[in-house]
Amino acid sequence: MRTTVTLDRDLERILRETALRTHKPFKKVLNDTLRAGIELAAPDGKVEPFIVRARPMHLRAGYDPAGFNRLADDLEAEAFLEMTRKLIERSQ
């Protein structure tokens, strides 16, 4: 697979020096280094799954948590309209 990666200058220098010293292509040195780093992070090759531990929100019956986002949006929109109205009044 072909992709673009932005490397820090010091890492690029180390990888290029390693490629020259080992007489291997830069691409192989980069891939081998990434594999070694990943294997160090997960030596058995298995990655621990990320588990979300849910907690009760203790909301009263009838409250919709998704409604909080709508409420925040409405309040933000009202504040924006009020600020815009004041700016227009000042400019007139």
PDB file of N, CA and C in Angstrom:
ATOM      1  N   MET A   1       0.844  -1.170   0.000  1.00  0.00           N
ATOM      2  CA  MET A   1       0.000   0.000   0.000  1.00  0.00           C
ATOM      3  C   MET A   1       0.888   1.231   0.000  1.00  0.00           C
ATOM      4  N   ARG A   2       0.526   2.197  -0.762  1.00  0.00           N
ATOM      5  CA  ARG A   2       1.293   3.428  -0.843  1.00  0.00           C
ATOM      6  C   ARG A   2       0.591   4.500  -0.036  1.00  0.00           C
ATOM      7  N   THR A   3       1.369   5.206   0.798  1.00  0.00           N
ATOM      8  CA  THR A   3       0.805   6.275   1.610  1.00  0.00           C
ATOM      9  C   THR A   3       1.883   7.331   1.852  1.00  0.00           C
ATOM     10  N   THR A   4       1.450   8.489   2.285  1.00  0.00           N
ATOM     11  CA  THR A   4       2.385   9.571   2.588  1.00  0.00           C
ATOM     12  C   THR A   4       2.517   9.686   4.091  1.00  0.00           C
ATOM     13  N   VAL A   5       3.759   9.732   4.557  1.00  0.00           N
ATOM     14  CA  VAL A   5       4.038   9.853   5.981  1.00  0.00           C
ATOM     15  C   VAL A   5       4.981  11.029   6.175  1.00  0.00           C
ATOM     16  N   THR A   6       4.691  11.867   7.154  1.00  0.00           N
ATOM     17  CA  THR A   6       5.583  12.967   7.485  1.00  0.00           C
ATOM     18  C   THR A   6       6.419  12.553   8.683  1.00  0.00           C
ATOM     19  N   LEU A   7       7.725  12.459   8.470  1.00  0.00           N
ATOM     20  CA  LEU A   7       8.637  12.034   9.525  1.00  0.00           C
ATOM     21  C   LEU A   7       9.348  13.239  10.120  1.00  0.00           C
ATOM     22  N   ASP A   8       9.654  13.156  11.399  1.00  0.00           N
ATOM     23  CA  ASP A   8      10.515  14.169  12.003  1.00  0.00           C
ATOM     24  C   ASP A   8      11.887  14.044  11.359  1.00  0.00           C
ATOM     25  N   ARG A   9      12.598  15.166  11.283  1.00  0.00           N
ATOM     26  CA  ARG A   9      13.895  15.169  10.589  1.00  0.00           C
ATOM     27  C   ARG A   9      14.883  14.192  11.207  1.00  0.00           C
ATOM     28  N   ASP A  10      14.890  14.125  12.547  1.00  0.00           N
ATOM     29  CA  ASP A  10      15.845  13.227  13.195  1.00  0.00           C
ATOM     30  C   ASP A  10      15.530  11.766  12.884  1.00  0.00           C
ATOM     31  N   LEU A  11      14.247  11.412  12.813  1.00  0.00           N
ATOM     32  CA  LEU A  11      13.881  10.037  12.482  1.00  0.00           C
ATOM     33  C   LEU A  11      14.223   9.698  11.037  1.00  0.00           C
ATOM     34  N   GLU A  12      13.996  10.640  10.148  1.00  0.00           N
ATOM     35  CA  GLU A  12      14.347  10.394   8.745  1.00  0.00           C
ATOM     36  C   GLU A  12      15.842  10.163   8.608  1.00  0.00           C
ATOM     37  N   ARG A  13      16.623  10.983   9.315  1.00  0.00           N
ATOM     38  CA  ARG A  13      18.082  10.834   9.253  1.00  0.00           C
ATOM     39  C   ARG A  13      18.510   9.461   9.762  1.00  0.00           C
ATOM     40  N   ILE A  14      17.941   9.035  10.883  1.00  0.00           N
ATOM     41  CA  ILE A  14      18.292   7.731  11.449  1.00  0.00           C
ATOM     42  C   ILE A  14      17.908   6.608  10.496  1.00  0.00           C
ATOM     43  N   LEU A  15      16.716   6.687   9.908  1.00  0.00           N
ATOM     44  CA  LEU A  15      16.276   5.659   8.969  1.00  0.00           C
ATOM     45  C   LEU A  15      17.165   5.613   7.732  1.00  0.00           C
ATOM     46  N   ARG A  16      17.514   6.791   7.197  1.00  0.00           N
ATOM     47  CA  ARG A  16      18.378   6.818   6.000  1.00  0.00           C
ATOM     48  C   ARG A  16      19.771   6.285   6.311  1.00  0.00           C
ATOM     49  N   GLU A  17      20.294   6.648   7.482  1.00  0.00           N
ATOM     50  CA  GLU A  17      21.614   6.134   7.872  1.00  0.00           C
ATOM     51  C   GLU A  17      21.572   4.617   8.031  1.00  0.00           C
ATOM     52  N   THR A  18      20.494   4.112   8.601  1.00  0.00           N
ATOM     53  CA  THR A  18      20.339   2.664   8.769  1.00  0.00           C
ATOM     54  C   THR A  18      20.247   1.987   7.410  1.00  0.00           C
ATOM     55  N   ALA A  19      19.520   2.593   6.493  1.00  0.00           N
ATOM     56  CA  ALA A  19      19.397   2.033   5.142  1.00  0.00           C
ATOM     57  C   ALA A  19      20.759   1.972   4.457  1.00  0.00           C
ATOM     58  N   LEU A  20      21.546   3.027   4.593  1.00  0.00           N
ATOM     59  CA  LEU A  20      22.887   3.031   3.989  1.00  0.00           C
ATOM     60  C   LEU A  20      23.796   1.991   4.647  1.00  0.00           C
ATOM     61  N   ARG A  21      23.754   1.930   5.972  1.00  0.00           N
ATOM     62  CA  ARG A  21      24.631   1.030   6.714  1.00  0.00           C
ATOM     63  C   ARG A  21      24.285  -0.432   6.441  1.00  0.00           C
ATOM     64  N   THR A  22      23.001  -0.749   6.315  1.00  0.00           N
ATOM     65  CA  THR A  22      22.573  -2.141   6.125  1.00  0.00           C
ATOM     66  C   THR A  22      22.413  -2.520   4.649  1.00  0.00           C
ATOM     67  N   HIS A  23      22.573  -1.539   3.766  1.00  0.00           N
ATOM     68  CA  HIS A  23      22.406  -1.765   2.320  1.00  0.00           C
ATOM     69  C   HIS A  23      21.004  -2.281   1.991  1.00  0.00           C
ATOM     70  N   LYS A  24      20.019  -1.738   2.708  1.00  0.00           N
ATOM     71  CA  LYS A  24      18.623  -2.087   2.452  1.00  0.00           C
ATOM     72  C   LYS A  24      17.887  -0.846   1.967  1.00  0.00           C
ATOM     73  N   PRO A  25      16.817  -1.039   1.197  1.00  0.00           N
ATOM     74  CA  PRO A  25      16.038   0.117   0.745  1.00  0.00           C
ATOM     75  C   PRO A  25      15.386   0.839   1.944  1.00  0.00           C
ATOM     76  N   PHE A  26      15.235   2.137   1.799  1.00  0.00           N
ATOM     77  CA  PHE A  26      14.624   2.959   2.842  1.00  0.00           C
ATOM     78  C   PHE A  26      13.261   2.407   3.235  1.00  0.00           C
ATOM     79  N   LYS A  27      12.474   2.016   2.235  1.00  0.00           N
ATOM     80  CA  LYS A  27      11.130   1.484   2.483  1.00  0.00           C
ATOM     81  C   LYS A  27      11.174   0.256   3.390  1.00  0.00           C
ATOM     82  N   LYS A  28      12.128  -0.638   3.151  1.00  0.00           N
ATOM     83  CA  LYS A  28      12.240  -1.859   3.970  1.00  0.00           C
ATOM     84  C   LYS A  28      12.659  -1.514   5.388  1.00  0.00           C
ATOM     85  N   VAL A  29      13.598  -0.586   5.531  1.00  0.00           N
ATOM     86  CA  VAL A  29      14.040  -0.178   6.864  1.00  0.00           C
ATOM     87  C   VAL A  29      12.873   0.444   7.628  1.00  0.00           C
ATOM     88  N   LEU A  30      12.101   1.292   6.969  1.00  0.00           N
ATOM     89  CA  LEU A  30      10.951   1.927   7.606  1.00  0.00           C
ATOM     90  C   LEU A  30       9.930   0.874   8.045  1.00  0.00           C
ATOM     91  N   ASN A  31       9.571  -0.041   7.154  1.00  0.00           N
ATOM     92  CA  ASN A  31       8.596  -1.082   7.486  1.00  0.00           C
ATOM     93  C   ASN A  31       9.091  -1.984   8.612  1.00  0.00           C
ATOM     94  N   ASP A  32      10.364  -2.398   8.551  1.00  0.00           N
ATOM     95  CA  ASP A  32      10.919  -3.261   9.593  1.00  0.00           C
ATOM     96  C   ASP A  32      10.921  -2.553  10.948  1.00  0.00           C
ATOM     97  N   THR A  33      11.245  -1.270  10.939  1.00  0.00           N
ATOM     98  CA  THR A  33      11.274  -0.499  12.175  1.00  0.00           C
ATOM     99  C   THR A  33       9.874  -0.359  12.759  1.00  0.00           C
ATOM    100  N   LEU A  34       8.899  -0.085  11.921  1.00  0.00           N
ATOM    101  CA  LEU A  34       7.516   0.006  12.395  1.00  0.00           C
ATOM    102  C   LEU A  34       7.041  -1.327  12.968  1.00  0.00           C
ATOM    103  N   ARG A  35       7.342  -2.420  12.269  1.00  0.00           N
ATOM    104  CA  ARG A  35       6.938  -3.739  12.761  1.00  0.00           C
ATOM    105  C   ARG A  35       7.561  -4.032  14.121  1.00  0.00           C
ATOM    106  N   ALA A  36       8.852  -3.730  14.263  1.00  0.00           N
ATOM    107  CA  ALA A  36       9.542  -3.986  15.531  1.00  0.00           C
ATOM    108  C   ALA A  36       8.921  -3.162  16.653  1.00  0.00           C
ATOM    109  N   GLY A  37       8.592  -1.906  16.369  1.00  0.00           N
ATOM    110  CA  GLY A  37       7.970  -1.063  17.388  1.00  0.00           C
ATOM    111  C   GLY A  37       6.600  -1.561  17.785  1.00  0.00           C
ATOM    112  N   ILE A  38       5.830  -2.007  16.816  1.00  0.00           N
ATOM    113  CA  ILE A  38       4.493  -2.526  17.109  1.00  0.00           C
ATOM    114  C   ILE A  38       4.598  -3.817  17.910  1.00  0.00           C
ATOM    115  N   GLU A  39       5.553  -4.682  17.562  1.00  0.00           N
ATOM    116  CA  GLU A  39       5.728  -5.928  18.304  1.00  0.00           C
ATOM    117  C   GLU A  39       6.173  -5.662  19.736  1.00  0.00           C
ATOM    118  N   LEU A  40       6.955  -4.621  19.960  1.00  0.00           N
ATOM    119  CA  LEU A  40       7.345  -4.273  21.326  1.00  0.00           C
ATOM    120  C   LEU A  40       6.144  -3.800  22.131  1.00  0.00           C
ATOM    121  N   ALA A  41       5.256  -3.069  21.474  1.00  0.00           N
ATOM    122  CA  ALA A  41       4.069  -2.555  22.161  1.00  0.00           C
ATOM    123  C   ALA A  41       3.091  -3.681  22.484  1.00  0.00           C
ATOM    124  N   ALA A  42       2.998  -4.660  21.601  1.00  0.00           N
ATOM    125  CA  ALA A  42       2.107  -5.813  21.811  1.00  0.00           C
ATOM    126  C   ALA A  42       2.891  -7.075  21.459  1.00  0.00           C
ATOM    127  N   PRO A  43       3.740  -7.567  22.375  1.00  0.00           N
ATOM    128  CA  PRO A  43       4.655  -8.665  22.061  1.00  0.00           C
ATOM    129  C   PRO A  43       3.987  -9.940  21.550  1.00  0.00           C
ATOM    130  N   ASP A  44       2.786 -10.248  22.004  1.00  0.00           N
ATOM    131  CA  ASP A  44       2.136 -11.472  21.553  1.00  0.00           C
ATOM    132  C   ASP A  44       1.371 -11.269  20.247  1.00  0.00           C
ATOM    133  N   GLY A  45       1.443 -10.047  19.709  1.00  0.00           N
ATOM    134  CA  GLY A  45       0.758  -9.753  18.460  1.00  0.00           C
ATOM    135  C   GLY A  45      -0.705  -9.413  18.653  1.00  0.00           C
ATOM    136  N   LYS A  46      -1.165  -9.517  19.883  1.00  0.00           N
ATOM    137  CA  LYS A  46      -2.564  -9.214  20.161  1.00  0.00           C
ATOM    138  C   LYS A  46      -2.654  -7.832  20.794  1.00  0.00           C
ATOM    139  N   VAL A  47      -3.613  -7.096  20.358  1.00  0.00           N
ATOM    140  CA  VAL A  47      -3.848  -5.759  20.893  1.00  0.00           C
ATOM    141  C   VAL A  47      -5.040  -5.835  21.827  1.00  0.00           C
ATOM    142  N   GLU A  48      -4.879  -5.284  23.004  1.00  0.00           N
ATOM    143  CA  GLU A  48      -5.976  -5.273  23.962  1.00  0.00           C
ATOM    144  C   GLU A  48      -7.138  -4.457  23.401  1.00  0.00           C
ATOM    145  N   PRO A  49      -8.345  -4.995  23.431  1.00  0.00           N
ATOM    146  CA  PRO A  49      -9.486  -4.221  22.932  1.00  0.00           C
ATOM    147  C   PRO A  49      -9.781  -3.053  23.872  1.00  0.00           C
ATOM    148  N   PHE A  50     -10.219  -1.972  23.290  1.00  0.00           N
ATOM    149  CA  PHE A  50     -10.620  -0.811  24.080  1.00  0.00           C
ATOM    150  C   PHE A  50     -12.020  -1.071  24.596  1.00  0.00           C
ATOM    151  N   ILE A  51     -12.178  -0.969  25.891  1.00  0.00           N
ATOM    152  CA  ILE A  51     -13.475  -1.244  26.498  1.00  0.00           C
ATOM    153  C   ILE A  51     -14.017   0.038  27.116  1.00  0.00           C
ATOM    154  N   VAL A  52     -15.233   0.376  26.741  1.00  0.00           N
ATOM    155  CA  VAL A  52     -15.900   1.537  27.330  1.00  0.00           C
ATOM    156  C   VAL A  52     -16.690   1.035  28.528  1.00  0.00           C
ATOM    157  N   ARG A  53     -16.367   1.578  29.661  1.00  0.00           N
ATOM    158  CA  ARG A  53     -17.095   1.207  30.867  1.00  0.00           C
ATOM    159  C   ARG A  53     -18.203   2.236  31.095  1.00  0.00           C
ATOM    160  N   ALA A  54     -19.406   1.816  30.813  1.00  0.00           N
ATOM    161  CA  ALA A  54     -20.553   2.720  30.936  1.00  0.00           C
ATOM    162  C   ALA A  54     -20.865   2.954  32.406  1.00  0.00           C
ATOM    163  N   ARG A  55     -21.294   4.155  32.686  1.00  0.00           N
ATOM    164  CA  ARG A  55     -21.715   4.497  34.035  1.00  0.00           C
ATOM    165  C   ARG A  55     -23.107   5.095  33.967  1.00  0.00           C
ATOM    166  N   PRO A  56     -23.910   4.867  34.961  1.00  0.00           N
ATOM    167  CA  PRO A  56     -25.247   5.450  34.940  1.00  0.00           C
ATOM    168  C   PRO A  56     -25.167   6.967  35.042  1.00  0.00           C
ATOM    169  N   MET A  57     -26.034   7.653  34.309  1.00  0.00           N
ATOM    170  CA  MET A  57     -26.028   9.111  34.305  1.00  0.00           C
ATOM    171  C   MET A  57     -26.957   9.689  35.366  1.00  0.00           C
ATOM    172  N   HIS A  58     -27.765   8.857  35.971  1.00  0.00           N
ATOM    173  CA  HIS A  58     -28.695   9.269  37.019  1.00  0.00           C
ATOM    174  C   HIS A  58     -29.608  10.404  36.555  1.00  0.00           C
ATOM    175  N   LEU A  59     -30.099  10.282  35.324  1.00  0.00           N
ATOM    176  CA  LEU A  59     -31.032  11.273  34.793  1.00  0.00           C
ATOM    177  C   LEU A  59     -32.436  10.953  35.259  1.00  0.00           C
ATOM    178  N   ARG A  60     -33.213  11.978  35.419  1.00  0.00           N
ATOM    179  CA  ARG A  60     -34.612  11.767  35.760  1.00  0.00           C
ATOM    180  C   ARG A  60     -35.344  11.191  34.554  1.00  0.00           C
ATOM    181  N   ALA A  61     -36.382  10.460  34.824  1.00  0.00           N
ATOM    182  CA  ALA A  61     -37.174   9.860  33.745  1.00  0.00           C
ATOM    183  C   ALA A  61     -37.678  10.957  32.818  1.00  0.00           C
ATOM    184  N   GLY A  62     -37.579  10.704  31.515  1.00  0.00           N
ATOM    185  CA  GLY A  62     -38.070  11.665  30.536  1.00  0.00           C
ATOM    186  C   GLY A  62     -36.993  12.559  29.950  1.00  0.00           C
ATOM    187  N   TYR A  63     -35.791  12.575  30.538  1.00  0.00           N
ATOM    188  CA  TYR A  63     -34.694  13.384  29.987  1.00  0.00           C
ATOM    189  C   TYR A  63     -33.961  12.572  28.930  1.00  0.00           C
ATOM    190  N   ASP A  64     -33.785  13.176  27.779  1.00  0.00           N
ATOM    191  CA  ASP A  64     -33.079  12.529  26.678  1.00  0.00           C
ATOM    192  C   ASP A  64     -31.675  13.119  26.604  1.00  0.00           C
ATOM    193  N   PRO A  65     -30.615  12.314  26.833  1.00  0.00           N
ATOM    194  CA  PRO A  65     -29.251  12.853  26.785  1.00  0.00           C
ATOM    195  C   PRO A  65     -28.921  13.510  25.445  1.00  0.00           C
ATOM    196  N   ALA A  66     -29.490  13.001  24.357  1.00  0.00           N
ATOM    197  CA  ALA A  66     -29.237  13.609  23.050  1.00  0.00           C
ATOM    198  C   ALA A  66     -29.822  15.012  22.996  1.00  0.00           C
ATOM    199  N   GLY A  67     -30.838  15.258  23.793  1.00  0.00           N
ATOM    200  CA  GLY A  67     -31.461  16.576  23.827  1.00  0.00           C
ATOM    201  C   GLY A  67     -30.532  17.641  24.392  1.00  0.00           C
ATOM    202  N   PHE A  68     -29.553  17.227  25.207  1.00  0.00           N
ATOM    203  CA  PHE A  68     -28.608  18.197  25.762  1.00  0.00           C
ATOM    204  C   PHE A  68     -27.789  18.855  24.659  1.00  0.00           C
ATOM    205  N   ASN A  69     -27.420  18.090  23.643  1.00  0.00           N
ATOM    206  CA  ASN A  69     -26.681  18.661  22.514  1.00  0.00           C
ATOM    207  C   ASN A  69     -27.541  19.669  21.765  1.00  0.00           C
ATOM    208  N   ARG A  70     -28.806  19.324  21.568  1.00  0.00           N
ATOM    209  CA  ARG A  70     -29.713  20.256  20.893  1.00  0.00           C
ATOM    210  C   ARG A  70     -29.885  21.525  21.716  1.00  0.00           C
ATOM    211  N   LEU A  71     -29.998  21.356  23.028  1.00  0.00           N
ATOM    212  CA  LEU A  71     -30.136  22.508  23.914  1.00  0.00           C
ATOM    213  C   LEU A  71     -28.895  23.400  23.826  1.00  0.00           C
ATOM    214  N   ALA A  72     -27.725  22.790  23.856  1.00  0.00           N
ATOM    215  CA  ALA A  72     -26.482  23.564  23.747  1.00  0.00           C
ATOM    216  C   ALA A  72     -26.418  24.290  22.411  1.00  0.00           C
ATOM    217  N   ASP A  73     -26.816  23.623  21.330  1.00  0.00           N
ATOM    218  CA  ASP A  73     -26.846  24.258  20.011  1.00  0.00           C
ATOM    219  C   ASP A  73     -27.810  25.439  19.993  1.00  0.00           C
ATOM    220  N   ASP A  74     -28.989  25.244  20.575  1.00  0.00           N
ATOM    221  CA  ASP A  74     -29.987  26.323  20.604  1.00  0.00           C
ATOM    222  C   ASP A  74     -29.470  27.520  21.397  1.00  0.00           C
ATOM    223  N   LEU A  75     -28.858  27.255  22.544  1.00  0.00           N
ATOM    224  CA  LEU A  75     -28.323  28.345  23.362  1.00  0.00           C
ATOM    225  C   LEU A  75     -27.204  29.086  22.637  1.00  0.00           C
ATOM    226  N   GLU A  76     -26.355  28.336  21.951  1.00  0.00           N
ATOM    227  CA  GLU A  76     -25.267  28.960  21.197  1.00  0.00           C
ATOM    228  C   GLU A  76     -25.825  29.811  20.060  1.00  0.00           C
ATOM    229  N   ALA A  77     -26.833  29.290  19.372  1.00  0.00           N
ATOM    230  CA  ALA A  77     -27.445  30.035  18.272  1.00  0.00           C
ATOM    231  C   ALA A  77     -28.099  31.311  18.793  1.00  0.00           C
ATOM    232  N   GLU A  78     -28.792  31.220  19.937  1.00  0.00           N
ATOM    233  CA  GLU A  78     -29.424  32.402  20.522  1.00  0.00           C
ATOM    234  C   GLU A  78     -28.378  33.451  20.904  1.00  0.00           C
ATOM    235  N   ALA A  79     -27.279  33.008  21.495  1.00  0.00           N
ATOM    236  CA  ALA A  79     -26.219  33.935  21.887  1.00  0.00           C
ATOM    237  C   ALA A  79     -25.614  34.609  20.658  1.00  0.00           C
ATOM    238  N   PHE A  80     -25.429  33.843  19.586  1.00  0.00           N
ATOM    239  CA  PHE A  80     -24.878  34.402  18.354  1.00  0.00           C
ATOM    240  C   PHE A  80     -25.832  35.439  17.769  1.00  0.00           C
ATOM    241  N   LEU A  81     -27.119  35.125  17.726  1.00  0.00           N
ATOM    242  CA  LEU A  81     -28.096  36.061  17.174  1.00  0.00           C
ATOM    243  C   LEU A  81     -28.164  37.338  18.010  1.00  0.00           C
ATOM    244  N   GLU A  82     -28.094  37.196  19.333  1.00  0.00           N
ATOM    245  CA  GLU A  82     -28.121  38.366  20.214  1.00  0.00           C
ATOM    246  C   GLU A  82     -26.892  39.240  19.981  1.00  0.00           C
ATOM    247  N   MET A  83     -25.714  38.619  19.865  1.00  0.00           N
ATOM    248  CA  MET A  83     -24.485  39.374  19.626  1.00  0.00           C
ATOM    249  C   MET A  83     -24.557  40.068  18.268  1.00  0.00           C
ATOM    250  N   THR A  84     -25.048  39.372  17.265  1.00  0.00           N
ATOM    251  CA  THR A  84     -25.176  39.953  15.926  1.00  0.00           C
ATOM    252  C   THR A  84     -26.143  41.136  15.942  1.00  0.00           C
ATOM    253  N   ARG A  85     -27.277  40.980  16.647  1.00  0.00           N
ATOM    254  CA  ARG A  85     -28.257  42.065  16.747  1.00  0.00           C
ATOM    255  C   ARG A  85     -27.616  43.301  17.393  1.00  0.00           C
ATOM    256  N   LYS A  86     -26.844  43.105  18.455  1.00  0.00           N
ATOM    257  CA  LYS A  86     -26.200  44.234  19.136  1.00  0.00           C
ATOM    258  C   LYS A  86     -25.182  44.913  18.224  1.00  0.00           C
ATOM    259  N   LEU A  87     -24.436  44.124  17.465  1.00  0.00           N
ATOM    260  CA  LEU A  87     -23.453  44.708  16.541  1.00  0.00           C
ATOM    261  C   LEU A  87     -24.136  45.543  15.456  1.00  0.00           C
ATOM    262  N   ILE A  88     -25.261  45.039  14.963  1.00  0.00           N
ATOM    263  CA  ILE A  88     -25.992  45.773  13.915  1.00  0.00           C
ATOM    264  C   ILE A  88     -26.543  47.058  14.479  1.00  0.00           C
ATOM    265  N   GLU A  89     -27.076  47.014  15.706  1.00  0.00           N
ATOM    266  CA  GLU A  89     -27.612  48.229  16.327  1.00  0.00           C
ATOM    267  C   GLU A  89     -26.527  49.266  16.533  1.00  0.00           C
ATOM    268  N   ARG A  90     -25.345  48.832  16.927  1.00  0.00           N
ATOM    269  CA  ARG A  90     -24.227  49.766  17.142  1.00  0.00           C
ATOM    270  C   ARG A  90     -23.748  50.402  15.851  1.00  0.00           C
ATOM    271  N   SER A  91     -23.803  49.634  14.767  1.00  0.00           N
ATOM    272  CA  SER A  91     -23.289  50.145  13.491  1.00  0.00           C
ATOM    273  C   SER A  91     -24.266  51.108  12.818  1.00  0.00           C
ATOM    274  N   GLN A  92     -25.508  51.142  13.292  1.00  0.00           N
ATOM    275  CA  GLN A  92     -26.508  52.016  12.636  1.00  0.00           C
ATOM    276  C   GLN A  92     -26.491  53.392  13.203  1.00  0.00           C
TER     277      GLN A  92
END
